[in-house]
């Protein structure tokens, strides 16, 4: 599955790191800008599928950058900023921005807006299934096919299998998986992941796919 590349133009390293962790955990690849004097050159070289853009930046502000980007690219741009006046939002639209989200941002809304813009901008590139071996994971229908047989999955079961498929052949730690599934490990019973994994194994065994998810003692899971 080809992952969409998102460029994060944000000068606060903490916020940039949080955004990268969030997006990487949700199936995107990310590029955090470090050198703000060559942003347009980096965009032309990297060709991101979407840009998250702050307004207050070293050197040129986000509005000026957006205007400059629009001279050579139609890449979707989401302003993610602490500037929250009506005039700020109006300027972002007038200069070519596609969405405007204020900090502190709601992660669910941000992810939904990103997914919506990517689907709208690149309809032919939307991947609806992932294949690993003879198993086919269908994202739209929340199901898995194996040798002509199919099983339906719950939302969490789909997310777990998506994470494992995305990291096929690698060991996925329990901590990373819990954080990906529920965002905050502190408020989740560790047993919840085990329960979901066992349910998935039972469902997969029901269509003849046994020993697909392997447990690595004190490390995590892998396929």
N, C-alpha and C. Protein backbone atom coordinates (compact mmCIF):
# COMPACT_ATOMS: atom_id res chain seq x y z
N UNK A 1 0.85 -1.20 0.00
CA UNK A 1 0.00 0.00 0.00
C UNK A 1 0.89 1.24 0.00
N UNK A 2 0.67 2.10 -0.97
CA UNK A 2 1.44 3.33 -1.04
C UNK A 2 0.90 4.32 -0.03
N UNK A 3 1.78 4.81 0.84
CA UNK A 3 1.35 5.73 1.88
C UNK A 3 1.45 7.17 1.40
N UNK A 4 0.47 7.98 1.76
CA UNK A 4 0.49 9.39 1.41
C UNK A 4 1.53 10.12 2.25
N UNK A 5 2.28 11.01 1.59
CA UNK A 5 3.33 11.78 2.27
C UNK A 5 2.78 13.15 2.67
N UNK A 6 2.92 13.47 3.95
CA UNK A 6 2.44 14.75 4.46
C UNK A 6 3.61 15.57 4.98
N UNK A 7 3.74 16.79 4.47
CA UNK A 7 4.80 17.71 4.93
C UNK A 7 4.24 18.60 6.03
N UNK A 8 4.99 18.70 7.13
CA UNK A 8 4.57 19.50 8.27
C UNK A 8 5.46 20.74 8.37
N UNK A 9 4.87 21.90 8.10
CA UNK A 9 5.62 23.16 8.18
C UNK A 9 5.22 23.84 9.47
N UNK A 10 5.94 23.54 10.53
CA UNK A 10 5.64 23.97 11.90
C UNK A 10 6.96 24.17 12.63
N UNK A 11 7.17 25.39 13.19
CA UNK A 11 8.47 25.68 13.80
C UNK A 11 8.57 25.25 15.26
N UNK A 12 7.47 24.87 15.90
CA UNK A 12 7.53 24.37 17.27
C UNK A 12 7.88 22.88 17.21
N UNK A 13 9.08 22.49 17.66
CA UNK A 13 9.50 21.08 17.53
C UNK A 13 8.61 20.11 18.28
N UNK A 14 8.01 20.54 19.38
CA UNK A 14 7.13 19.66 20.15
C UNK A 14 5.86 19.36 19.35
N UNK A 15 5.24 20.41 18.81
CA UNK A 15 4.02 20.22 18.02
C UNK A 15 4.33 19.44 16.75
N UNK A 16 5.45 19.75 16.12
CA UNK A 16 5.83 19.02 14.91
C UNK A 16 6.00 17.53 15.22
N UNK A 17 6.64 17.23 16.35
CA UNK A 17 6.83 15.84 16.76
C UNK A 17 5.52 15.15 17.05
N UNK A 18 4.60 15.85 17.71
CA UNK A 18 3.29 15.28 18.02
C UNK A 18 2.52 14.96 16.73
N UNK A 19 2.58 15.87 15.79
CA UNK A 19 1.88 15.66 14.51
C UNK A 19 2.48 14.48 13.75
N UNK A 20 3.80 14.37 13.77
CA UNK A 20 4.44 13.26 13.07
C UNK A 20 4.07 11.92 13.71
N UNK A 21 4.06 11.87 15.04
CA UNK A 21 3.68 10.64 15.74
C UNK A 21 2.24 10.26 15.41
N UNK A 22 1.35 11.24 15.44
CA UNK A 22 -0.07 11.00 15.14
C UNK A 22 -0.24 10.48 13.72
N UNK A 23 0.39 11.13 12.76
CA UNK A 23 0.19 10.77 11.36
C UNK A 23 0.88 9.46 11.01
N UNK A 24 2.09 9.25 11.52
CA UNK A 24 2.79 7.99 11.26
C UNK A 24 1.98 6.81 11.81
N UNK A 25 1.36 7.02 12.98
CA UNK A 25 0.56 5.97 13.59
C UNK A 25 -0.74 5.70 12.87
N UNK A 26 -1.12 6.60 11.95
CA UNK A 26 -2.37 6.43 11.21
C UNK A 26 -2.13 6.15 9.73
N UNK A 27 -0.95 5.65 9.44
CA UNK A 27 -0.71 5.15 8.09
C UNK A 27 -0.14 6.11 7.09
N UNK A 28 0.33 7.28 7.54
CA UNK A 28 0.93 8.24 6.62
C UNK A 28 2.44 8.27 6.81
N UNK A 29 3.15 8.74 5.81
CA UNK A 29 4.56 9.08 5.99
C UNK A 29 4.64 10.59 6.16
N UNK A 30 5.61 11.06 6.92
CA UNK A 30 5.68 12.49 7.22
C UNK A 30 7.08 13.04 6.96
N UNK A 31 7.10 14.33 6.71
CA UNK A 31 8.35 15.06 6.56
C UNK A 31 8.21 16.36 7.32
N UNK A 32 9.00 16.53 8.37
CA UNK A 32 8.97 17.75 9.16
C UNK A 32 10.02 18.73 8.65
N UNK A 33 9.59 19.93 8.33
CA UNK A 33 10.52 20.94 7.81
C UNK A 33 11.40 21.47 8.94
N UNK A 34 12.69 21.50 8.71
CA UNK A 34 13.65 22.04 9.69
C UNK A 34 14.24 23.37 9.21
N UNK A 35 14.47 23.46 7.90
CA UNK A 35 15.05 24.67 7.32
C UNK A 35 13.93 25.49 6.67
N UNK A 36 13.58 26.61 7.29
CA UNK A 36 12.44 27.38 6.82
C UNK A 36 12.81 28.41 5.74
N UNK A 37 14.07 28.44 5.34
CA UNK A 37 14.48 29.35 4.27
C UNK A 37 14.39 28.70 2.90
N UNK A 38 14.14 27.39 2.87
CA UNK A 38 14.08 26.68 1.58
C UNK A 38 12.80 25.84 1.47
N UNK A 39 11.71 26.34 2.05
CA UNK A 39 10.48 25.54 2.09
C UNK A 39 9.96 25.22 0.69
N UNK A 40 9.88 26.22 -0.17
CA UNK A 40 9.32 25.96 -1.51
C UNK A 40 10.19 24.97 -2.28
N UNK A 41 11.50 25.06 -2.12
CA UNK A 41 12.39 24.11 -2.79
C UNK A 41 12.17 22.70 -2.28
N UNK A 42 11.94 22.58 -0.96
CA UNK A 42 11.69 21.25 -0.38
C UNK A 42 10.38 20.66 -0.91
N UNK A 43 9.38 21.50 -1.06
CA UNK A 43 8.10 21.03 -1.59
C UNK A 43 8.27 20.53 -3.03
N UNK A 44 9.02 21.28 -3.82
CA UNK A 44 9.23 20.88 -5.22
C UNK A 44 10.03 19.59 -5.31
N UNK A 45 10.97 19.39 -4.38
CA UNK A 45 11.80 18.18 -4.39
C UNK A 45 11.04 16.96 -3.85
N UNK A 46 10.32 17.16 -2.75
CA UNK A 46 9.67 16.04 -2.07
C UNK A 46 8.30 15.68 -2.63
N UNK A 47 7.64 16.67 -3.24
CA UNK A 47 6.30 16.46 -3.82
C UNK A 47 5.33 15.77 -2.83
N UNK A 48 5.07 16.42 -1.69
CA UNK A 48 4.14 15.83 -0.71
C UNK A 48 2.72 15.77 -1.27
N UNK A 49 1.92 14.86 -0.71
CA UNK A 49 0.53 14.74 -1.14
C UNK A 49 -0.36 15.77 -0.43
N UNK A 50 0.12 16.27 0.71
CA UNK A 50 -0.65 17.25 1.50
C UNK A 50 0.32 17.99 2.40
N UNK A 51 -0.03 19.24 2.74
CA UNK A 51 0.83 20.08 3.60
C UNK A 51 0.03 20.57 4.79
N UNK A 52 0.62 20.46 5.98
CA UNK A 52 0.09 21.11 7.18
C UNK A 52 0.94 22.35 7.41
N UNK A 53 0.29 23.51 7.48
CA UNK A 53 1.02 24.78 7.46
C UNK A 53 0.62 25.68 8.63
N UNK A 54 1.61 26.11 9.40
CA UNK A 54 1.38 27.09 10.46
C UNK A 54 1.45 28.48 9.84
N UNK A 55 0.91 29.48 10.53
CA UNK A 55 0.96 30.86 10.02
C UNK A 55 2.21 31.58 10.54
N UNK A 56 2.45 31.48 11.84
CA UNK A 56 3.61 32.16 12.43
C UNK A 56 4.84 31.29 12.27
N UNK A 57 5.72 31.71 11.36
CA UNK A 57 6.93 30.94 11.07
C UNK A 57 8.14 31.88 10.99
N UNK A 58 9.35 31.34 11.15
CA UNK A 58 10.54 32.17 10.96
C UNK A 58 10.62 32.64 9.51
N UNK A 59 10.97 33.87 9.28
CA UNK A 59 11.05 34.39 7.92
C UNK A 59 9.65 34.63 7.37
N UNK A 60 9.34 34.07 6.22
CA UNK A 60 8.03 34.24 5.61
C UNK A 60 6.94 33.58 6.45
N UNK A 61 5.80 34.25 6.60
CA UNK A 61 4.71 33.62 7.35
C UNK A 61 3.96 32.63 6.46
N UNK A 62 3.03 31.90 7.08
CA UNK A 62 2.31 30.87 6.36
C UNK A 62 1.49 31.39 5.20
N UNK A 63 0.93 32.60 5.35
CA UNK A 63 0.14 33.17 4.27
C UNK A 63 1.00 33.40 3.02
N UNK A 64 2.18 33.97 3.24
CA UNK A 64 3.09 34.24 2.12
C UNK A 64 3.53 32.94 1.46
N UNK A 65 3.80 31.93 2.29
CA UNK A 65 4.22 30.64 1.76
C UNK A 65 3.10 29.99 0.94
N UNK A 66 1.88 30.06 1.46
CA UNK A 66 0.75 29.47 0.76
C UNK A 66 0.58 30.12 -0.62
N UNK A 67 0.66 31.42 -0.65
CA UNK A 67 0.54 32.15 -1.90
C UNK A 67 1.64 31.73 -2.88
N UNK A 68 2.85 31.55 -2.38
CA UNK A 68 3.97 31.17 -3.23
C UNK A 68 3.82 29.73 -3.73
N UNK A 69 3.34 28.84 -2.84
CA UNK A 69 3.14 27.43 -3.23
C UNK A 69 2.13 27.33 -4.36
N UNK A 70 1.10 28.17 -4.29
CA UNK A 70 0.03 28.11 -5.29
C UNK A 70 0.49 28.58 -6.68
N UNK A 71 1.68 29.12 -6.79
CA UNK A 71 2.19 29.50 -8.11
C UNK A 71 2.72 28.30 -8.88
N UNK A 72 2.96 27.18 -8.17
CA UNK A 72 3.51 26.01 -8.86
C UNK A 72 2.86 24.68 -8.47
N UNK A 73 1.94 24.69 -7.49
CA UNK A 73 1.35 23.43 -7.05
C UNK A 73 -0.07 23.60 -6.54
N UNK A 74 -0.88 22.57 -6.76
CA UNK A 74 -2.24 22.54 -6.24
C UNK A 74 -2.36 21.56 -5.06
N UNK A 75 -1.22 21.22 -4.45
CA UNK A 75 -1.22 20.30 -3.31
C UNK A 75 -2.18 20.80 -2.22
N UNK A 76 -2.99 19.93 -1.62
CA UNK A 76 -3.88 20.37 -0.54
C UNK A 76 -3.08 20.97 0.63
N UNK A 77 -3.57 22.10 1.14
CA UNK A 77 -2.90 22.78 2.26
C UNK A 77 -3.91 22.97 3.39
N UNK A 78 -3.56 22.46 4.56
CA UNK A 78 -4.38 22.67 5.76
C UNK A 78 -3.61 23.58 6.71
N UNK A 79 -4.18 24.74 7.02
CA UNK A 79 -3.58 25.60 8.02
C UNK A 79 -3.89 25.03 9.40
N UNK A 80 -2.85 24.78 10.20
CA UNK A 80 -3.01 24.34 11.59
C UNK A 80 -2.30 25.39 12.43
N UNK A 81 -3.07 26.24 13.09
CA UNK A 81 -2.46 27.44 13.66
C UNK A 81 -3.18 27.91 14.93
N UNK A 82 -2.46 28.69 15.72
CA UNK A 82 -3.06 29.30 16.91
C UNK A 82 -3.71 30.63 16.56
N UNK A 83 -3.51 31.11 15.33
CA UNK A 83 -4.18 32.34 14.87
C UNK A 83 -5.63 31.98 14.55
N UNK A 84 -6.56 32.50 15.33
CA UNK A 84 -7.93 31.99 15.21
C UNK A 84 -8.99 33.06 14.94
N UNK A 85 -8.61 34.17 14.34
CA UNK A 85 -9.62 35.19 14.03
C UNK A 85 -10.29 34.87 12.69
N UNK A 86 -11.47 35.47 12.48
CA UNK A 86 -12.17 35.28 11.20
C UNK A 86 -11.32 35.77 10.04
N UNK A 87 -10.57 36.83 10.27
CA UNK A 87 -9.73 37.38 9.20
C UNK A 87 -8.60 36.41 8.84
N UNK A 88 -8.05 35.72 9.84
CA UNK A 88 -7.02 34.72 9.57
C UNK A 88 -7.58 33.61 8.69
N UNK A 89 -8.77 33.12 9.04
CA UNK A 89 -9.39 32.05 8.27
C UNK A 89 -9.74 32.52 6.85
N UNK A 90 -10.24 33.74 6.74
CA UNK A 90 -10.58 34.29 5.43
C UNK A 90 -9.33 34.41 4.56
N UNK A 91 -8.24 34.91 5.14
CA UNK A 91 -6.99 35.03 4.39
C UNK A 91 -6.50 33.68 3.90
N UNK A 92 -6.64 32.66 4.76
CA UNK A 92 -6.16 31.33 4.38
C UNK A 92 -6.94 30.81 3.17
N UNK A 93 -8.23 31.09 3.13
CA UNK A 93 -9.06 30.64 2.00
C UNK A 93 -8.73 31.44 0.74
N UNK A 94 -8.62 32.77 0.90
CA UNK A 94 -8.36 33.64 -0.25
C UNK A 94 -7.01 33.34 -0.90
N UNK A 95 -6.05 32.89 -0.10
CA UNK A 95 -4.71 32.64 -0.63
C UNK A 95 -4.52 31.21 -1.13
N UNK A 96 -5.57 30.40 -1.04
CA UNK A 96 -5.47 29.05 -1.61
C UNK A 96 -5.45 27.91 -0.63
N UNK A 97 -5.66 28.18 0.66
CA UNK A 97 -5.72 27.10 1.63
C UNK A 97 -6.99 26.27 1.46
N UNK A 98 -6.92 24.99 1.80
CA UNK A 98 -8.08 24.11 1.63
C UNK A 98 -8.85 23.89 2.93
N UNK A 99 -8.21 24.12 4.07
CA UNK A 99 -8.88 23.94 5.36
C UNK A 99 -8.14 24.75 6.41
N UNK A 100 -8.84 25.03 7.50
CA UNK A 100 -8.29 25.89 8.56
C UNK A 100 -8.65 25.25 9.91
N UNK A 101 -7.65 24.82 10.65
CA UNK A 101 -7.87 24.17 11.94
C UNK A 101 -7.05 24.90 13.00
N UNK A 102 -7.70 25.26 14.10
CA UNK A 102 -7.00 26.03 15.14
C UNK A 102 -6.44 25.11 16.23
N UNK A 103 -5.34 25.56 16.82
CA UNK A 103 -4.74 24.86 17.96
C UNK A 103 -5.41 25.35 19.25
N UNK A 104 -5.54 24.47 20.24
CA UNK A 104 -5.20 23.04 20.20
C UNK A 104 -6.18 22.29 19.32
N UNK A 105 -5.67 21.51 18.40
CA UNK A 105 -6.51 20.84 17.42
C UNK A 105 -7.10 19.54 17.98
N UNK A 106 -8.26 19.19 17.46
CA UNK A 106 -8.89 17.91 17.78
C UNK A 106 -8.32 16.89 16.81
N UNK A 107 -7.66 15.85 17.31
CA UNK A 107 -6.97 14.90 16.44
C UNK A 107 -7.93 14.19 15.49
N UNK A 108 -9.13 13.85 15.98
CA UNK A 108 -10.08 13.15 15.13
C UNK A 108 -10.52 14.02 13.96
N UNK A 109 -10.76 15.31 14.24
CA UNK A 109 -11.18 16.24 13.18
C UNK A 109 -10.05 16.44 12.17
N UNK A 110 -8.83 16.59 12.68
CA UNK A 110 -7.68 16.78 11.80
C UNK A 110 -7.50 15.56 10.89
N UNK A 111 -7.55 14.36 11.46
CA UNK A 111 -7.39 13.15 10.65
C UNK A 111 -8.51 13.00 9.62
N UNK A 112 -9.73 13.34 10.03
CA UNK A 112 -10.86 13.25 9.10
C UNK A 112 -10.70 14.23 7.94
N UNK A 113 -10.24 15.44 8.26
CA UNK A 113 -10.04 16.45 7.22
C UNK A 113 -8.92 16.03 6.26
N UNK A 114 -7.86 15.48 6.80
CA UNK A 114 -6.76 15.00 5.95
C UNK A 114 -7.25 13.90 5.01
N UNK A 115 -7.96 12.92 5.58
CA UNK A 115 -8.45 11.80 4.77
C UNK A 115 -9.41 12.29 3.68
N UNK A 116 -10.27 13.25 4.04
CA UNK A 116 -11.24 13.77 3.09
C UNK A 116 -10.54 14.49 1.93
N UNK A 117 -9.56 15.31 2.25
CA UNK A 117 -8.86 16.06 1.19
C UNK A 117 -8.04 15.13 0.29
N UNK A 118 -7.41 14.12 0.88
CA UNK A 118 -6.64 13.18 0.08
C UNK A 118 -7.54 12.39 -0.87
N UNK A 119 -8.69 11.97 -0.34
CA UNK A 119 -9.63 11.20 -1.17
C UNK A 119 -10.17 12.05 -2.31
N UNK A 120 -10.44 13.32 -2.01
CA UNK A 120 -10.97 14.24 -3.02
C UNK A 120 -9.93 14.57 -4.08
N UNK A 121 -8.68 14.75 -3.63
CA UNK A 121 -7.62 15.20 -4.54
C UNK A 121 -7.03 14.06 -5.36
N UNK A 122 -6.94 12.86 -4.75
CA UNK A 122 -6.31 11.73 -5.43
C UNK A 122 -7.25 10.52 -5.47
N UNK A 123 -8.41 10.64 -6.09
CA UNK A 123 -9.37 9.54 -6.06
C UNK A 123 -8.84 8.25 -6.66
N UNK A 124 -8.01 8.36 -7.69
CA UNK A 124 -7.51 7.15 -8.35
C UNK A 124 -6.44 6.45 -7.52
N UNK A 125 -5.89 7.15 -6.53
CA UNK A 125 -4.81 6.57 -5.73
C UNK A 125 -5.30 6.00 -4.41
N UNK A 126 -6.59 6.09 -4.14
CA UNK A 126 -7.09 5.57 -2.87
C UNK A 126 -7.00 4.05 -2.86
N UNK A 127 -6.32 3.52 -1.86
CA UNK A 127 -6.14 2.08 -1.74
C UNK A 127 -7.21 1.51 -0.82
N UNK A 128 -7.98 0.56 -1.36
CA UNK A 128 -9.06 -0.01 -0.57
C UNK A 128 -8.71 -1.37 -0.01
N UNK A 129 -7.56 -1.93 -0.38
CA UNK A 129 -7.19 -3.23 0.16
C UNK A 129 -5.68 -3.33 0.31
N UNK A 130 -5.25 -4.19 1.22
CA UNK A 130 -3.84 -4.47 1.44
C UNK A 130 -3.67 -5.98 1.38
N UNK A 131 -2.64 -6.43 0.69
CA UNK A 131 -2.40 -7.86 0.54
C UNK A 131 -1.14 -8.27 1.27
N UNK A 132 -1.22 -9.37 2.03
CA UNK A 132 -0.03 -9.93 2.68
C UNK A 132 -0.14 -11.45 2.53
N UNK A 133 0.73 -12.00 1.69
CA UNK A 133 0.64 -13.43 1.40
C UNK A 133 -0.66 -13.70 0.66
N UNK A 134 -1.43 -14.65 1.16
CA UNK A 134 -2.72 -14.97 0.54
C UNK A 134 -3.88 -14.27 1.23
N UNK A 135 -3.59 -13.43 2.21
CA UNK A 135 -4.64 -12.72 2.94
C UNK A 135 -4.84 -11.34 2.34
N UNK A 136 -6.10 -10.95 2.17
CA UNK A 136 -6.44 -9.64 1.60
C UNK A 136 -7.32 -8.88 2.59
N UNK A 137 -6.83 -7.74 3.04
CA UNK A 137 -7.56 -6.91 4.00
C UNK A 137 -8.29 -5.81 3.24
N UNK A 138 -9.62 -5.80 3.33
CA UNK A 138 -10.43 -4.79 2.63
C UNK A 138 -10.79 -3.68 3.62
N UNK A 139 -10.30 -2.47 3.35
CA UNK A 139 -10.48 -1.35 4.28
C UNK A 139 -11.90 -0.81 4.24
N UNK A 140 -12.49 -0.74 3.05
CA UNK A 140 -13.82 -0.14 2.93
C UNK A 140 -14.90 -1.01 3.57
N UNK A 141 -14.80 -2.33 3.37
CA UNK A 141 -15.84 -3.23 3.88
C UNK A 141 -15.50 -3.84 5.23
N UNK A 142 -14.33 -3.49 5.79
CA UNK A 142 -13.89 -4.04 7.09
C UNK A 142 -13.98 -5.56 7.10
N UNK A 143 -13.30 -6.17 6.14
CA UNK A 143 -13.32 -7.63 6.05
C UNK A 143 -11.97 -8.14 5.59
N UNK A 144 -11.76 -9.46 5.77
CA UNK A 144 -10.53 -10.10 5.33
C UNK A 144 -10.88 -11.34 4.53
N UNK A 145 -10.23 -11.48 3.37
CA UNK A 145 -10.45 -12.65 2.50
C UNK A 145 -9.23 -13.56 2.55
N UNK A 146 -9.52 -14.86 2.50
CA UNK A 146 -8.42 -15.85 2.45
C UNK A 146 -8.92 -17.09 1.71
N UNK A 147 -8.30 -17.37 0.57
CA UNK A 147 -8.64 -18.55 -0.23
C UNK A 147 -10.14 -18.66 -0.50
N UNK A 148 -10.75 -17.55 -0.90
CA UNK A 148 -12.15 -17.57 -1.28
C UNK A 148 -13.14 -17.46 -0.15
N UNK A 149 -12.64 -17.38 1.08
CA UNK A 149 -13.53 -17.24 2.24
C UNK A 149 -13.30 -15.87 2.87
N UNK A 150 -14.35 -15.33 3.49
CA UNK A 150 -14.28 -13.98 4.02
C UNK A 150 -14.82 -13.91 5.44
N UNK A 151 -14.29 -12.95 6.22
CA UNK A 151 -14.76 -12.73 7.58
C UNK A 151 -14.87 -11.23 7.82
N UNK A 152 -15.93 -10.82 8.51
CA UNK A 152 -16.12 -9.41 8.83
C UNK A 152 -15.35 -9.05 10.10
N UNK A 153 -14.93 -7.78 10.18
CA UNK A 153 -14.11 -7.32 11.30
C UNK A 153 -14.75 -6.11 11.97
N UNK A 154 -14.53 -5.97 13.28
CA UNK A 154 -14.96 -4.76 13.97
C UNK A 154 -13.96 -3.65 13.67
N UNK A 155 -14.28 -2.44 14.09
CA UNK A 155 -13.39 -1.30 13.85
C UNK A 155 -12.00 -1.54 14.44
N UNK A 156 -11.93 -1.99 15.70
CA UNK A 156 -10.63 -2.22 16.33
C UNK A 156 -9.90 -3.39 15.70
N UNK A 157 -10.62 -4.42 15.31
CA UNK A 157 -9.98 -5.56 14.66
C UNK A 157 -9.37 -5.14 13.33
N UNK A 158 -10.09 -4.29 12.59
CA UNK A 158 -9.56 -3.78 11.32
C UNK A 158 -8.30 -2.94 11.56
N UNK A 159 -8.33 -2.09 12.58
CA UNK A 159 -7.17 -1.23 12.88
C UNK A 159 -5.96 -2.07 13.28
N UNK A 160 -6.19 -3.11 14.07
CA UNK A 160 -5.09 -3.98 14.49
C UNK A 160 -4.47 -4.67 13.27
N UNK A 161 -5.32 -5.25 12.42
CA UNK A 161 -4.80 -5.94 11.25
C UNK A 161 -4.15 -4.97 10.28
N UNK A 162 -4.70 -3.77 10.14
CA UNK A 162 -4.08 -2.77 9.28
C UNK A 162 -2.67 -2.44 9.78
N UNK A 163 -2.53 -2.28 11.08
CA UNK A 163 -1.22 -1.95 11.67
C UNK A 163 -0.24 -3.09 11.42
N UNK A 164 -0.70 -4.33 11.60
CA UNK A 164 0.16 -5.49 11.39
C UNK A 164 0.52 -5.65 9.92
N UNK A 165 -0.46 -5.46 9.02
CA UNK A 165 -0.19 -5.55 7.59
C UNK A 165 0.83 -4.49 7.18
N UNK A 166 0.62 -3.27 7.71
CA UNK A 166 1.50 -2.14 7.35
C UNK A 166 2.94 -2.40 7.80
N UNK A 167 3.07 -3.19 8.87
CA UNK A 167 4.41 -3.52 9.40
C UNK A 167 4.71 -5.00 9.19
N UNK A 168 4.22 -5.55 8.10
CA UNK A 168 4.38 -6.98 7.82
C UNK A 168 5.82 -7.44 7.93
N UNK A 169 6.04 -8.53 8.68
CA UNK A 169 7.37 -9.08 8.86
C UNK A 169 8.13 -8.46 10.01
N UNK A 170 7.63 -7.36 10.57
CA UNK A 170 8.28 -6.70 11.71
C UNK A 170 7.54 -7.04 13.00
N UNK A 171 8.25 -6.95 14.11
CA UNK A 171 7.62 -7.15 15.41
C UNK A 171 7.01 -5.83 15.87
N UNK A 172 5.71 -5.84 16.13
CA UNK A 172 5.01 -4.64 16.61
C UNK A 172 4.84 -4.74 18.11
N UNK A 173 5.41 -3.81 18.86
CA UNK A 173 5.34 -3.88 20.32
C UNK A 173 3.92 -3.63 20.79
N UNK A 174 3.59 -4.22 21.93
CA UNK A 174 2.25 -4.03 22.50
C UNK A 174 2.01 -2.55 22.81
N UNK A 175 3.03 -1.88 23.34
CA UNK A 175 2.88 -0.47 23.69
C UNK A 175 2.55 0.39 22.48
N UNK A 176 3.26 0.16 21.38
CA UNK A 176 3.02 0.93 20.16
C UNK A 176 1.62 0.66 19.62
N UNK A 177 1.20 -0.59 19.68
CA UNK A 177 -0.12 -0.94 19.16
C UNK A 177 -1.23 -0.33 20.00
N UNK A 178 -1.06 -0.35 21.32
CA UNK A 178 -2.07 0.24 22.21
C UNK A 178 -2.17 1.74 21.97
N UNK A 179 -1.02 2.39 21.81
CA UNK A 179 -1.04 3.84 21.56
C UNK A 179 -1.68 4.16 20.23
N UNK A 180 -1.42 3.32 19.21
CA UNK A 180 -2.03 3.52 17.89
C UNK A 180 -3.54 3.32 17.94
N UNK A 181 -3.99 2.33 18.70
CA UNK A 181 -5.41 2.00 18.76
C UNK A 181 -6.22 2.96 19.61
N UNK A 182 -5.66 3.31 20.77
CA UNK A 182 -6.45 4.07 21.74
C UNK A 182 -5.85 5.41 22.11
N UNK A 183 -4.77 5.82 21.41
CA UNK A 183 -4.15 7.15 21.58
C UNK A 183 -3.42 7.34 22.90
N UNK A 184 -3.97 6.82 23.99
CA UNK A 184 -3.33 7.07 25.29
C UNK A 184 -3.26 5.78 26.09
N UNK A 185 -2.04 5.26 26.30
CA UNK A 185 -1.85 4.01 27.01
C UNK A 185 -2.28 4.08 28.48
N UNK A 186 -2.26 5.27 29.05
CA UNK A 186 -2.49 5.40 30.49
C UNK A 186 -3.90 4.99 30.89
N UNK A 187 -4.84 5.12 29.96
CA UNK A 187 -6.24 4.89 30.31
C UNK A 187 -6.80 3.60 29.70
N UNK A 188 -5.91 2.72 29.26
CA UNK A 188 -6.35 1.48 28.63
C UNK A 188 -5.81 0.28 29.38
N UNK A 189 -6.68 -0.67 29.65
CA UNK A 189 -6.28 -1.93 30.26
C UNK A 189 -5.47 -2.71 29.23
N UNK A 190 -4.27 -3.12 29.59
CA UNK A 190 -3.39 -3.84 28.68
C UNK A 190 -4.07 -5.10 28.14
N UNK A 191 -4.99 -5.65 28.93
CA UNK A 191 -5.67 -6.87 28.53
C UNK A 191 -6.57 -6.66 27.31
N UNK A 192 -6.98 -5.40 27.06
CA UNK A 192 -7.88 -5.11 25.94
C UNK A 192 -7.26 -5.53 24.61
N UNK A 193 -5.95 -5.32 24.45
CA UNK A 193 -5.29 -5.71 23.21
C UNK A 193 -5.29 -7.23 23.06
N UNK A 194 -4.99 -7.94 24.14
CA UNK A 194 -4.99 -9.40 24.10
C UNK A 194 -6.35 -9.95 23.71
N UNK A 195 -7.40 -9.36 24.27
CA UNK A 195 -8.76 -9.80 23.96
C UNK A 195 -9.05 -9.62 22.47
N UNK A 196 -8.68 -8.47 21.92
CA UNK A 196 -8.91 -8.21 20.50
C UNK A 196 -8.10 -9.15 19.62
N UNK A 197 -6.84 -9.40 19.98
CA UNK A 197 -5.99 -10.31 19.20
C UNK A 197 -6.59 -11.71 19.19
N UNK A 198 -7.05 -12.18 20.36
CA UNK A 198 -7.64 -13.52 20.44
C UNK A 198 -8.91 -13.63 19.58
N UNK A 199 -9.71 -12.58 19.57
CA UNK A 199 -10.92 -12.59 18.74
C UNK A 199 -10.57 -12.65 17.26
N UNK A 200 -9.55 -11.89 16.88
CA UNK A 200 -9.12 -11.91 15.49
C UNK A 200 -8.63 -13.30 15.11
N UNK A 201 -7.83 -13.91 15.98
CA UNK A 201 -7.32 -15.25 15.69
C UNK A 201 -8.44 -16.26 15.51
N UNK A 202 -9.47 -16.16 16.35
CA UNK A 202 -10.61 -17.06 16.23
C UNK A 202 -11.33 -16.85 14.90
N UNK A 203 -11.51 -15.58 14.50
CA UNK A 203 -12.18 -15.30 13.24
C UNK A 203 -11.37 -15.81 12.05
N UNK A 204 -10.06 -15.60 12.10
CA UNK A 204 -9.21 -16.04 11.00
C UNK A 204 -9.17 -17.56 10.91
N UNK A 205 -9.13 -18.22 12.06
CA UNK A 205 -9.14 -19.68 12.08
C UNK A 205 -10.42 -20.21 11.45
N UNK A 206 -11.50 -19.45 11.61
CA UNK A 206 -12.79 -19.86 11.07
C UNK A 206 -12.83 -19.91 9.55
N UNK A 207 -11.90 -19.19 8.90
CA UNK A 207 -11.83 -19.24 7.43
C UNK A 207 -10.56 -19.97 6.97
N UNK A 208 -9.94 -20.70 7.92
CA UNK A 208 -8.79 -21.52 7.57
C UNK A 208 -7.44 -20.86 7.66
N UNK A 209 -7.40 -19.64 8.18
CA UNK A 209 -6.13 -18.92 8.30
C UNK A 209 -5.64 -19.02 9.74
N UNK A 210 -4.81 -20.02 10.01
CA UNK A 210 -4.31 -20.25 11.37
C UNK A 210 -2.85 -19.80 11.50
N UNK A 211 -2.47 -19.47 12.71
CA UNK A 211 -1.09 -19.04 13.02
C UNK A 211 -0.65 -17.85 12.17
N UNK A 212 -1.61 -16.99 11.80
CA UNK A 212 -1.27 -15.81 11.00
C UNK A 212 -0.61 -14.75 11.87
N UNK A 213 -1.20 -14.48 13.04
CA UNK A 213 -0.62 -13.51 13.98
C UNK A 213 0.21 -14.28 14.99
N UNK A 214 1.49 -13.98 15.04
CA UNK A 214 2.40 -14.69 15.94
C UNK A 214 2.77 -13.82 17.13
N UNK A 215 2.83 -14.42 18.31
CA UNK A 215 3.23 -13.70 19.52
C UNK A 215 4.72 -13.87 19.72
N UNK A 216 5.42 -12.77 19.92
CA UNK A 216 6.84 -12.79 20.25
C UNK A 216 6.97 -12.46 21.74
N UNK A 217 7.41 -13.43 22.51
CA UNK A 217 7.43 -13.30 23.96
C UNK A 217 8.13 -12.02 24.43
N UNK A 218 7.41 -11.23 25.21
CA UNK A 218 7.90 -9.97 25.79
C UNK A 218 8.27 -8.93 24.73
N UNK A 219 7.87 -9.14 23.49
CA UNK A 219 8.18 -8.17 22.43
C UNK A 219 6.90 -7.61 21.79
N UNK A 220 5.98 -8.50 21.42
CA UNK A 220 4.77 -8.02 20.75
C UNK A 220 4.22 -9.03 19.80
N UNK A 221 3.73 -8.56 18.63
CA UNK A 221 3.10 -9.42 17.65
C UNK A 221 3.69 -9.16 16.27
N UNK A 222 3.56 -10.18 15.41
CA UNK A 222 4.01 -10.03 14.04
C UNK A 222 3.19 -10.94 13.13
N UNK A 223 3.20 -10.64 11.85
CA UNK A 223 2.58 -11.54 10.86
C UNK A 223 3.64 -11.94 9.86
